[in-house]
Protein backbone atom coordinates (compact mmCIF):
# COMPACT_ATOMS: atom_id res chain seq x y z
CA MET A 1 -19.07 -21.88 4.35
CA SER A 2 -18.87 -25.23 6.12
CA MET A 3 -15.59 -27.03 6.51
CA ALA A 4 -16.88 -29.80 4.27
CA ALA A 5 -17.26 -27.33 1.45
CA MET A 6 -13.92 -25.62 2.07
CA PRO A 7 -11.33 -26.28 -0.69
CA ALA A 8 -8.17 -28.04 0.37
CA LEU A 9 -5.31 -25.90 1.64
CA LEU A 10 -2.52 -26.86 -0.77
CA ALA A 11 0.30 -24.62 0.38
CA SER A 12 0.20 -24.70 4.15
CA ALA A 13 3.97 -24.71 4.72
CA MET A 14 5.29 -21.65 6.50
CA LEU A 15 8.58 -20.01 5.68
CA ALA A 16 10.76 -19.64 8.77
CA GLY A 17 14.24 -18.46 9.58
CA PRO A 18 16.02 -15.10 9.91
CA SER A 19 13.82 -12.10 9.16
CA ASP A 20 14.56 -9.41 6.57
CA TRP A 21 11.50 -7.49 7.77
CA GLU A 22 11.69 -4.29 9.76
CA LEU A 23 8.80 -3.03 11.89
CA ILE A 24 8.70 0.78 11.77
CA SER A 25 6.75 3.11 14.06
CA THR A 26 5.53 6.23 12.24
CA PRO A 27 4.60 9.66 13.64
CA THR A 28 0.90 8.71 13.80
CA PHE A 29 -1.09 6.19 15.81
CA GLU A 30 -3.96 6.24 13.33
CA THR A 31 -4.62 3.08 11.34
CA LEU A 32 -2.95 3.33 7.93
CA ASN A 33 -5.28 1.98 5.24
CA GLY A 34 -3.29 2.44 2.03
CA ILE A 35 0.30 2.75 0.86
CA SER A 36 1.92 3.45 -2.52
CA SER A 37 5.52 3.83 -3.70
CA SER A 38 6.87 5.63 -6.74
CA SER A 39 10.33 4.15 -6.05
CA PRO A 40 12.11 2.29 -3.25
CA ASP A 41 13.07 5.70 -1.86
CA PHE A 42 9.65 7.38 -1.76
CA ALA A 43 6.29 6.18 -0.46
CA ILE A 44 3.06 7.62 0.91
CA ALA A 45 0.70 6.04 3.42
CA VAL A 46 -2.80 7.32 4.21
CA GLY A 47 -5.16 6.44 7.02
CA ASN A 48 -7.89 7.35 9.43
CA ALA A 49 -8.61 10.92 10.54
CA GLY A 50 -6.84 12.34 7.47
CA ALA A 51 -3.44 10.91 8.42
CA ILE A 52 -0.83 11.08 5.64
CA VAL A 53 2.78 9.94 6.14
CA HIS A 54 5.55 10.43 3.55
CA PHE A 55 8.58 8.11 3.59
CA LEU A 56 12.06 8.77 2.24
CA GLY A 57 14.20 5.67 1.97
CA ASN A 58 13.58 3.48 4.98
CA ASP A 59 12.95 6.29 7.45
CA SER A 60 10.08 6.30 9.93
CA GLY A 61 8.15 8.83 7.87
CA THR A 62 7.03 12.43 8.16
CA LEU A 63 3.48 13.39 9.01
CA VAL A 64 2.21 15.74 6.28
CA SER A 65 -0.90 17.86 6.66
CA SER A 66 -3.82 16.64 4.58
CA GLY A 67 -6.14 19.52 5.47
CA THR A 68 -8.89 17.09 6.44
CA ASP A 69 -9.91 14.80 9.28
CA VAL A 70 -11.95 12.33 7.21
CA ASN A 71 -10.75 8.75 6.84
CA LEU A 72 -8.54 8.11 3.81
CA PHE A 73 -8.50 4.63 2.27
CA ASP A 74 -6.28 4.57 -0.81
CA VAL A 75 -3.34 6.41 -2.35
CA TYR A 76 -1.48 6.28 -5.66
CA THR A 77 1.86 7.99 -6.29
CA SER A 78 3.93 8.02 -9.48
CA ALA A 79 6.63 10.50 -8.37
CA PRO A 80 7.66 12.41 -5.25
CA ASP A 81 5.71 15.41 -6.56
CA ARG A 82 2.72 13.47 -7.88
CA ALA A 83 0.02 11.60 -5.93
CA VAL A 84 -3.72 11.24 -5.37
CA ALA A 85 -5.54 9.90 -2.32
CA GLY A 86 -9.16 8.88 -1.82
CA GLY A 87 -11.42 8.80 1.22
CA GLU A 88 -14.81 9.82 2.56
CA ASP A 89 -16.36 12.20 0.00
CA LEU A 90 -12.89 13.41 -0.91
CA VAL A 91 -10.08 12.92 -3.44
CA LEU A 92 -6.85 14.75 -2.61
CA HIS A 93 -4.00 15.80 -4.93
CA TRP A 94 -0.30 16.14 -4.01
CA ASP A 95 1.82 18.51 -6.13
CA GLY A 96 5.12 18.09 -4.31
CA SER A 97 4.50 20.81 -1.76
CA ALA A 98 0.95 20.45 -0.39
CA TRP A 99 -2.15 18.27 -0.40
CA SER A 100 -5.30 19.94 -1.71
CA PRO A 101 -8.85 18.79 -2.56
CA LEU A 102 -9.33 17.59 -6.13
CA VAL A 103 -12.85 16.21 -5.71
CA GLU A 104 -15.28 16.99 -2.86
CA SER A 105 -18.83 15.80 -2.30
CA MET A 106 -21.43 15.52 0.48
CA VAL A 107 -23.24 12.32 -0.53
CA GLY A 108 -21.54 9.80 1.76
CA ASN A 109 -19.34 8.17 -0.89
CA ILE A 110 -16.07 6.46 -0.11
CA TYR A 111 -13.69 7.10 -3.00
CA THR A 112 -11.46 4.08 -3.54
CA PRO A 113 -9.49 2.89 -5.47
CA VAL A 114 -7.74 5.96 -6.90
CA TRP A 115 -5.39 6.03 -9.89
CA GLU A 116 -3.86 8.55 -12.29
CA ASN A 117 -2.97 7.56 -15.84
CA PRO A 118 0.70 7.77 -16.92
CA GLU A 119 0.03 10.84 -19.06
CA GLN A 120 -1.13 12.62 -15.88
CA ASN A 121 -4.22 14.11 -17.50
CA THR A 122 -6.98 12.08 -15.81
CA VAL A 123 -7.61 10.75 -12.30
CA PHE A 124 -9.96 7.77 -11.94
CA TYR A 125 -11.63 6.78 -8.69
CA GLY A 126 -14.21 4.25 -7.60
CA ALA A 127 -17.20 4.69 -5.30
CA PRO A 128 -18.42 1.33 -4.01
CA GLY A 129 -22.06 0.94 -3.04
CA GLY A 130 -25.38 -0.54 -4.08
CA PHE A 131 -24.81 0.97 -7.50
CA SER A 132 -21.05 1.32 -7.67
CA LEU A 133 -19.54 4.20 -9.57
CA VAL A 134 -16.39 4.71 -11.60
CA CYS A 135 -15.58 8.41 -11.75
CA ARG A 136 -13.05 10.67 -13.41
CA ALA A 137 -11.65 14.18 -12.99
CA ASP A 138 -9.02 16.24 -14.75
CA SER A 139 -5.63 15.93 -13.12
CA ASP A 140 -4.42 19.02 -11.24
CA THR A 141 -7.68 20.99 -11.55
CA GLY A 142 -10.41 18.45 -10.75
CA GLY A 143 -12.43 19.74 -13.68
CA ASN A 144 -14.87 17.79 -15.88
CA GLN A 145 -15.95 15.49 -13.07
CA ALA A 146 -18.17 12.65 -14.25
CA CYS A 147 -19.25 9.22 -13.05
CA ARG A 148 -20.55 6.06 -14.68
CA THR A 149 -22.66 3.49 -12.85
CA PHE A 150 -21.48 -0.10 -12.68
CA VAL A 151 -23.46 -2.77 -10.86
CA ASP A 152 -20.16 -4.14 -9.58
CA THR A 153 -17.33 -2.52 -7.61
CA ALA A 154 -14.07 -1.29 -9.15
CA MET A 155 -11.00 -2.99 -7.68
CA ALA A 156 -8.17 -1.68 -9.87
CA PHE A 157 -7.29 0.43 -12.91
CA CYS A 158 -4.48 0.09 -15.44
CA GLY A 159 -3.55 1.36 -18.89
CA SER A 160 -2.94 4.81 -20.37
CA SER A 161 -4.73 7.90 -21.64
CA ASP A 162 -8.01 7.01 -23.43
CA ASP A 163 -7.06 3.35 -22.97
CA THR A 164 -7.92 2.37 -19.38
CA LYS A 165 -8.97 -1.04 -18.10
CA VAL A 166 -11.25 -1.28 -15.05
CA ILE A 167 -11.19 -4.57 -13.13
CA LEU A 168 -14.34 -5.18 -11.08
CA ASP A 169 -14.97 -7.38 -8.05
CA THR A 170 -16.80 -9.96 -10.18
CA GLY A 171 -13.68 -10.43 -12.32
CA ALA A 172 -15.21 -8.48 -15.22
CA ILE A 173 -12.83 -6.19 -17.11
CA TRP A 174 -14.05 -3.07 -18.92
CA HIS A 175 -12.27 -0.82 -21.40
CA ILE A 176 -12.92 2.92 -21.11
CA ASP A 177 -11.51 6.19 -22.38
CA ASN A 178 -10.77 9.31 -20.35
CA PHE A 179 -14.47 10.19 -20.27
CA LEU A 180 -15.71 6.74 -19.20
CA SER A 181 -16.97 5.62 -22.62
CA ASP A 182 -15.53 2.82 -24.68
CA PRO A 183 -12.78 4.11 -27.04
CA VAL A 184 -14.23 2.16 -29.99
CA ASP A 185 -18.00 2.40 -29.50
CA PRO A 186 -19.88 5.42 -28.11
CA LEU A 187 -20.66 3.40 -24.99
CA SER A 188 -19.41 -0.05 -24.13
CA THR A 189 -22.19 -2.63 -23.91
CA GLU A 190 -20.03 -5.67 -23.16
CA PRO A 191 -16.92 -5.96 -21.02
CA LEU A 192 -13.70 -7.40 -22.40
CA VAL A 193 -14.11 -10.15 -19.80
CA PRO A 194 -17.68 -10.86 -18.56
CA ARG A 195 -18.83 -11.23 -14.97
CA ALA A 196 -17.47 -14.31 -13.23
CA GLY A 197 -19.03 -13.79 -9.79
CA LEU A 198 -15.74 -14.06 -7.93
CA ASP A 199 -16.47 -11.57 -5.11
CA LEU A 200 -12.93 -10.24 -5.32
CA SER A 201 -11.75 -8.01 -2.48
CA ALA A 202 -8.32 -7.18 -3.99
CA VAL A 203 -6.76 -7.22 -7.47
CA TRP A 204 -3.14 -6.68 -8.49
CA VAL A 205 -1.99 -5.98 -12.06
CA PRO A 206 1.59 -7.26 -12.65
CA PRO A 207 4.00 -4.88 -14.41
CA GLY A 208 3.60 -5.05 -18.18
CA ALA A 209 0.39 -7.07 -18.04
CA CYS A 210 -1.87 -4.24 -19.22
CA LEU A 211 -1.84 -4.41 -23.02
CA PRO A 212 -2.48 -1.34 -25.16
CA GLY A 213 -5.73 -1.38 -27.08
CA PRO A 214 -9.03 -3.16 -26.48
CA PHE A 215 -7.46 -6.24 -24.93
CA ALA A 216 -7.68 -7.70 -21.45
CA PRO A 217 -4.52 -7.76 -19.32
CA THR A 218 -2.39 -10.85 -19.80
CA ARG A 219 -2.16 -11.65 -16.08
CA LEU A 220 -3.95 -10.60 -12.91
CA PHE A 221 -3.94 -11.87 -9.34
CA GLY A 222 -6.83 -11.53 -6.95
CA ILE A 223 -8.18 -12.42 -3.52
CA ASN A 224 -11.87 -12.97 -2.89
CA ILE A 225 -13.91 -12.29 0.24
CA ARG A 226 -13.26 -15.89 1.37
CA SER A 227 -9.49 -15.26 1.25
CA GLN A 228 -8.98 -17.56 -1.73
CA PHE A 229 -6.31 -16.75 -4.32
CA TYR A 230 -7.29 -16.41 -7.99
CA GLU A 231 -5.26 -15.86 -11.16
CA PHE A 232 -6.36 -14.39 -14.49
CA SER A 233 -4.51 -15.86 -17.48
CA ASP A 234 -5.39 -16.76 -21.06
CA GLY A 235 -8.58 -14.74 -20.83
CA ALA A 236 -10.10 -16.44 -17.79
CA TRP A 237 -9.97 -16.50 -14.00
CA SER A 238 -8.97 -19.69 -12.20
CA PHE A 239 -8.78 -20.73 -8.55
CA MET A 240 -5.15 -21.22 -7.49
CA GLY A 241 -6.02 -24.06 -5.12
CA VAL A 242 -5.27 -22.17 -1.91
CA THR A 243 -7.58 -20.94 0.82
CA VAL A 244 -5.78 -19.35 3.75
CA PRO A 245 -6.72 -20.45 7.29
CA ALA A 246 -10.20 -19.37 8.32
CA GLN A 247 -8.98 -16.94 10.98
CA GLN A 248 -6.94 -14.96 8.44
CA THR A 249 -8.24 -12.13 6.25
CA MET A 250 -6.18 -11.06 3.24
CA SER A 251 -6.24 -7.34 2.44
CA TRP A 252 -4.19 -6.69 -0.71
CA LEU A 253 -1.55 -8.00 -3.14
CA THR A 254 1.56 -6.63 -4.80
CA GLY A 255 4.77 -7.96 -6.34
CA SER A 256 7.33 -7.66 -9.11
CA GLY A 257 5.98 -10.27 -11.52
CA PRO A 258 4.00 -13.50 -11.83
CA ASP A 259 6.57 -15.48 -9.83
CA ASN A 260 6.98 -12.96 -7.03
CA VAL A 261 3.55 -12.06 -5.62
CA ILE A 262 3.06 -10.87 -2.06
CA ALA A 263 -0.27 -10.80 -0.21
CA GLY A 264 -0.80 -9.04 3.11
CA GLY A 265 -3.55 -9.29 5.69
CA PHE A 266 -4.28 -9.99 9.34
CA GLU A 267 -5.53 -12.48 11.89
CA PRO A 268 -6.91 -11.90 15.41
CA MET A 269 -4.39 -11.72 18.23
CA THR A 270 -4.62 -14.64 20.64
CA MET A 271 -3.60 -12.41 23.55
CA LYS A 272 -4.90 -8.99 24.48
CA GLY A 273 -2.73 -6.09 23.42
CA PRO A 274 -2.86 -2.57 21.99
CA ASP A 275 -3.65 -3.92 18.52
CA PRO A 276 -6.52 -6.36 17.92
CA ASN A 277 -4.84 -8.09 14.98
CA ARG A 278 -1.43 -9.23 13.86
CA GLY A 279 0.00 -9.07 10.37
CA VAL A 280 0.07 -11.93 7.89
CA ILE A 281 2.17 -12.23 4.71
CA TRP A 282 1.81 -14.90 2.01
CA LEU A 283 4.31 -15.32 -0.84
CA TYR A 284 3.85 -16.85 -4.31
CA ASP A 285 6.94 -17.97 -6.26
CA GLY A 286 5.20 -18.96 -9.49
CA ASN A 287 4.47 -22.47 -8.26
CA SER A 288 2.94 -22.35 -4.79
CA TRP A 289 1.80 -20.05 -2.01
CA GLN A 290 3.51 -20.11 1.38
CA GLN A 291 2.96 -18.09 4.50
CA ASP A 292 5.94 -16.03 5.64
CA GLY A 293 6.63 -16.87 9.26
CA THR A 294 9.46 -14.36 9.66
CA LEU A 295 7.46 -11.20 10.41
CA PRO A 296 8.75 -9.38 13.50
CA PRO A 297 6.87 -10.06 16.76
CA GLY A 298 4.15 -7.49 17.32
CA THR A 299 3.54 -6.77 13.63
CA PRO A 300 0.00 -5.36 13.58
CA GLY A 301 -2.65 -6.23 11.02
CA LEU A 302 -1.83 -5.19 7.44
CA ALA A 303 -4.34 -3.18 5.40
CA ASP A 304 -2.22 -2.71 2.27
CA VAL A 305 1.11 -3.77 0.74
CA ASP A 306 3.17 -2.14 -2.01
CA TYR A 307 6.33 -3.15 -3.86
CA ALA A 308 8.83 -0.85 -5.61
CA TYR A 309 12.12 -1.54 -7.35
CA GLU A 310 14.74 0.22 -9.45
CA PHE A 311 17.91 -0.93 -11.16
CA SER A 312 21.39 0.47 -11.64
CA THR A 313 21.53 0.45 -15.42
CA LEU A 314 20.92 2.64 -18.41
CA VAL A 315 17.65 1.78 -20.11
CA PHE A 316 16.36 2.99 -23.44
CA GLU A 317 12.99 4.66 -23.48
CA ASN A 318 11.15 3.47 -26.60
CA GLY A 319 14.51 2.37 -27.94
CA PHE A 320 15.94 5.82 -28.58
CA GLU A 321 16.69 7.85 -25.49
CA ALA A 322 18.98 6.51 -22.76
CA VAL A 323 17.86 7.36 -19.24
CA ALA A 324 19.39 6.51 -15.88
CA VAL A 325 17.18 4.88 -13.29
CA GLY A 326 17.41 5.00 -9.55
CA LYS A 327 19.85 4.16 -6.84
CA SER A 328 20.83 0.55 -6.37
CA ASP A 329 22.08 -1.92 -3.85
CA PRO A 330 25.87 -2.07 -4.41
CA VAL A 331 25.83 -5.86 -3.98
CA SER A 332 22.74 -6.96 -5.89
CA GLY A 333 22.67 -4.07 -8.36
CA GLU A 334 19.06 -3.38 -7.52
CA SER A 335 17.01 -1.36 -5.09
CA VAL A 336 13.90 -3.10 -3.84
CA ARG A 337 11.50 -2.24 -1.05
CA LEU A 338 8.26 -3.87 0.00
CA ARG A 339 6.16 -1.86 2.43
CA GLY A 340 2.97 -2.60 4.33
CA ALA A 341 0.51 -0.19 5.97
CA SER A 342 -0.97 -1.40 9.22
CA GLU A 343 -2.93 -0.68 12.36
CA GLY A 344 -1.61 1.66 15.01
CA GLY A 345 0.27 3.79 12.49
CA ALA A 346 3.04 1.20 12.02
CA THR A 347 4.57 0.06 8.74
CA ILE A 348 6.74 -2.90 7.81
CA SER A 349 9.55 -2.87 5.27
CA ASN A 350 11.62 -5.50 3.49
CA SER A 351 14.45 -4.50 1.14
CA ARG A 352 15.55 -8.03 0.18
CA LEU A 353 12.38 -9.71 -1.04
CA GLY A 354 13.05 -9.15 -4.71
CA PRO A 355 14.10 -10.77 -7.98
CA ASN A 356 17.49 -12.41 -8.27
CA ARG A 357 17.88 -13.06 -11.97
CA ARG A 358 19.40 -10.78 -14.59
CA ALA A 359 18.12 -10.36 -18.12
CA ASP A 360 18.69 -8.11 -21.11
CA PHE A 361 16.21 -8.61 -23.96
CA GLU A 362 17.12 -6.98 -27.26
CA MET A 363 14.87 -6.86 -30.30
CA THR A 364 15.57 -5.09 -33.58
CA VAL A 365 13.20 -4.65 -36.50
CA THR A 366 14.58 -4.35 -40.07
CA PRO A 367 12.47 -3.82 -43.25
CA VAL A 368 13.09 -6.57 -45.83
CA ALA A 369 11.84 -7.38 -49.34
CA MET A 370 9.49 -10.35 -49.19
CA THR A 371 7.20 -12.03 -51.71
CA PRO A 372 4.37 -11.39 -52.37
CA ALA A 373 4.39 -8.48 -49.91
CA PRO A 374 7.05 -6.61 -47.98
CA GLY A 375 7.75 -7.31 -44.36
CA PHE A 376 10.16 -7.08 -41.47
CA GLN A 377 12.90 -9.20 -39.97
CA LEU A 378 12.87 -9.42 -36.19
CA ALA A 379 16.11 -10.28 -34.40
CA LEU A 380 15.60 -11.31 -30.79
CA ARG A 381 18.65 -11.77 -28.57
CA ASN A 382 19.22 -12.58 -24.91
CA ASN A 383 22.19 -10.43 -23.87
CA GLY A 384 21.80 -11.29 -20.20
CA PRO A 385 23.78 -13.88 -18.20
CA ASP A 386 20.75 -16.07 -17.38
CA THR A 387 18.46 -18.27 -19.43
CA ALA A 388 15.16 -16.45 -19.64
CA SER A 389 11.66 -16.67 -21.08
CA ALA A 390 9.86 -13.86 -22.84
CA ASN A 391 6.37 -13.07 -24.05
CA TYR A 392 5.76 -10.36 -26.60
CA VAL A 393 3.02 -8.91 -28.75
CA LEU A 394 3.41 -7.17 -32.12
CA LEU A 395 0.76 -4.66 -33.07
CA GLY A 396 0.29 -3.26 -36.57
CA GLY A 397 -2.19 -0.96 -38.25
CA ALA A 398 -5.48 -2.30 -39.57
CA ASN A 399 -4.95 -5.23 -41.96
CA ASN A 400 -1.21 -4.80 -41.67
CA LEU A 401 0.14 -8.09 -40.29
CA ARG A 402 -0.39 -11.08 -42.57
CA GLN A 403 2.00 -13.83 -41.48
CA SER A 404 4.54 -14.47 -38.74
CA THR A 405 7.39 -16.98 -38.49
CA CYS A 406 8.31 -15.84 -34.97
CA PRO A 407 8.56 -18.60 -32.33
CA ASN A 408 5.28 -19.92 -30.96
CA SER A 409 3.44 -16.99 -32.53
CA GLU A 410 0.02 -16.58 -34.04
CA ILE A 411 -1.87 -13.72 -35.65
CA GLU A 412 -5.32 -12.68 -34.48
CA GLY A 413 -7.64 -10.08 -35.92
CA SER A 414 -9.06 -7.42 -33.65
CA LEU A 415 -10.76 -4.05 -33.59
CA ALA A 416 -7.30 -2.47 -33.55
CA GLY A 417 -6.02 -4.53 -36.45
CA PRO A 418 -4.20 -7.85 -36.53
CA ARG A 419 -1.74 -8.64 -33.77
CA ALA A 420 0.88 -11.34 -33.42
CA PHE A 421 1.75 -13.03 -30.14
CA GLY A 422 4.93 -14.90 -29.38
CA SER A 423 6.81 -16.58 -26.58
CA LEU A 424 10.26 -18.10 -26.40
CA THR A 425 13.03 -19.20 -24.06
CA MET A 426 16.62 -18.25 -24.87
CA THR A 427 19.96 -19.13 -23.32
CA PRO A 428 22.58 -16.40 -22.73
CA GLY A 429 23.78 -15.01 -26.07
CA GLN A 430 21.19 -16.90 -28.10
CA GLU A 431 19.65 -15.06 -31.05
CA VAL A 432 16.44 -15.90 -32.89
CA LEU A 433 15.56 -14.52 -36.34
CA CYS A 434 12.00 -14.46 -37.60
CA PHE A 435 9.90 -12.61 -40.17
CA LEU A 436 6.60 -10.74 -40.33
CA ALA A 437 4.82 -10.50 -43.68
CA THR A 438 2.69 -7.39 -44.04
CA ALA A 439 0.36 -5.69 -46.48
CA GLN A 440 1.54 -3.42 -49.26
CA ASP A 441 2.89 -0.07 -48.04
CA PRO A 442 3.47 -1.52 -44.60
CA VAL A 443 3.63 0.42 -41.39
CA GLU A 444 6.38 -0.81 -39.11
CA PRO A 445 4.73 -2.81 -36.31
CA PHE A 446 4.87 -1.54 -32.78
CA VAL A 447 6.87 -4.00 -30.72
CA TYR A 448 5.80 -4.39 -27.12
CA ASN A 449 7.61 -6.51 -24.58
CA ILE A 450 4.57 -7.31 -22.47
CA GLN A 451 6.71 -9.05 -19.89
CA PRO A 452 10.44 -8.64 -19.26
CA ILE A 453 12.69 -11.11 -21.05
CA ASP A 454 12.72 -13.19 -17.89
CA ALA A 455 9.00 -13.56 -17.43
CA THR A 456 9.61 -13.99 -13.71
CA ASP A 457 11.95 -11.05 -13.26
CA PRO A 458 11.63 -7.37 -14.15
CA ASN A 459 15.39 -6.74 -13.79
CA CYS A 460 16.06 -5.87 -17.40
CA LYS A 461 17.34 -3.27 -19.80
CA ASN A 462 16.52 -2.71 -23.44
CA ASN A 463 18.85 -1.76 -26.27
CA SER A 464 16.35 -1.49 -29.09
CA ASN A 465 12.90 -0.33 -30.04
CA ILE A 466 10.93 -2.44 -27.61
CA ARG A 467 8.16 -0.29 -26.20
CA ASN A 468 7.58 -1.36 -22.63
CA ARG A 469 4.37 -0.56 -20.86
CA GLN A 470 4.28 -0.25 -17.07
CA ILE A 471 7.57 -2.03 -16.42
CA ARG A 472 9.42 0.04 -13.81
CA GLY A 473 13.10 0.19 -14.67
CA CYS A 474 12.35 -0.76 -18.28
CA GLU A 475 10.35 2.22 -19.47
């Protein structure tokens, strides 16, 4: 692309000052291509020649035998005893004690990305190529392997069992079940979001953005092959107005929410050294992108970045069972760690680049007598100390929801039945009452908090029947 055709660089300022980053040498000198964290205290990095490094806390890692010498490109972990990794003709499974082959082939495929659904019954993996594949295998055993051909390349997965979204490099989003068919029709003929031709090279799904049912995620962030940032919102992709300098290549994105997005990549070194590239970090605060100029000297090129956080609070799983989550920083009340996998076996870590607001979103649902049909009263309350914004979706059975008086809400029909959307901003202690009218013999609507009460901050706890999806610390 010529300079005349290059979009303007709108966020060229560079953050400078004291660094919270730490450059960590690991037990391998192999390039690390992928990294994933199940918590701030546990992470796995994979790389060339079968290298796998496990991290506890902020240690320098332990080299763990993979049983292979092929290059590994991606890894996904949901717990210290649960992970999958993908590479050349191979998908590996970690059971807490050893890595073992889950999928093996001899056709020259590179299996990436890899992902396991929350129910831990199905592993999905992509195989980019002229006719790109999306494949599946049973968790633990590798049984029932199957693949489906897509013209475009899978970039990311999200969702749950029999309810998985596949985001492709064109920006298209497909909805599949555990056996690669559409959950509603025998075989999907149209994606939820059609091809946009974006040439995406990385896609990140913010926590809570993957809605249940045949609906596209509410938010996505992506980078294309020209290192331009894109955002998916309101059902469409849009250019965020930023193209990084031509010498930089962005590799991947991560974050805690739509106002805390981190992108990692590399640029060529200007002086000869052991590593050909140096690392690059860009940060998005919900308004603009800025390059982080505080990386330690000698930070090698970054191939992947991952963000994990936990909070020192009791949360209520589906509103009924209190569970404790994680260790926390005694000052901030949170535990946050951003890690990057890089060339030369090094990693970088930052334990301070996290949210700084506190929120506690409570919602209760009470059956009430309404005319001409029964319904429910919803009481929404901000119990946190900060003013915060929330988005929510209410899902009922087929033909169940008829009318909503909830703030800024509307009801839409869908294949899964009507749904009501709402958004609101509440000051500390503020309570909002609203009503949902339903059909006769109503079924209580499922209440999903699709973003934490502070839409820019996942630091939250729930004291009611909000069913959170993919919000770490608020499950």
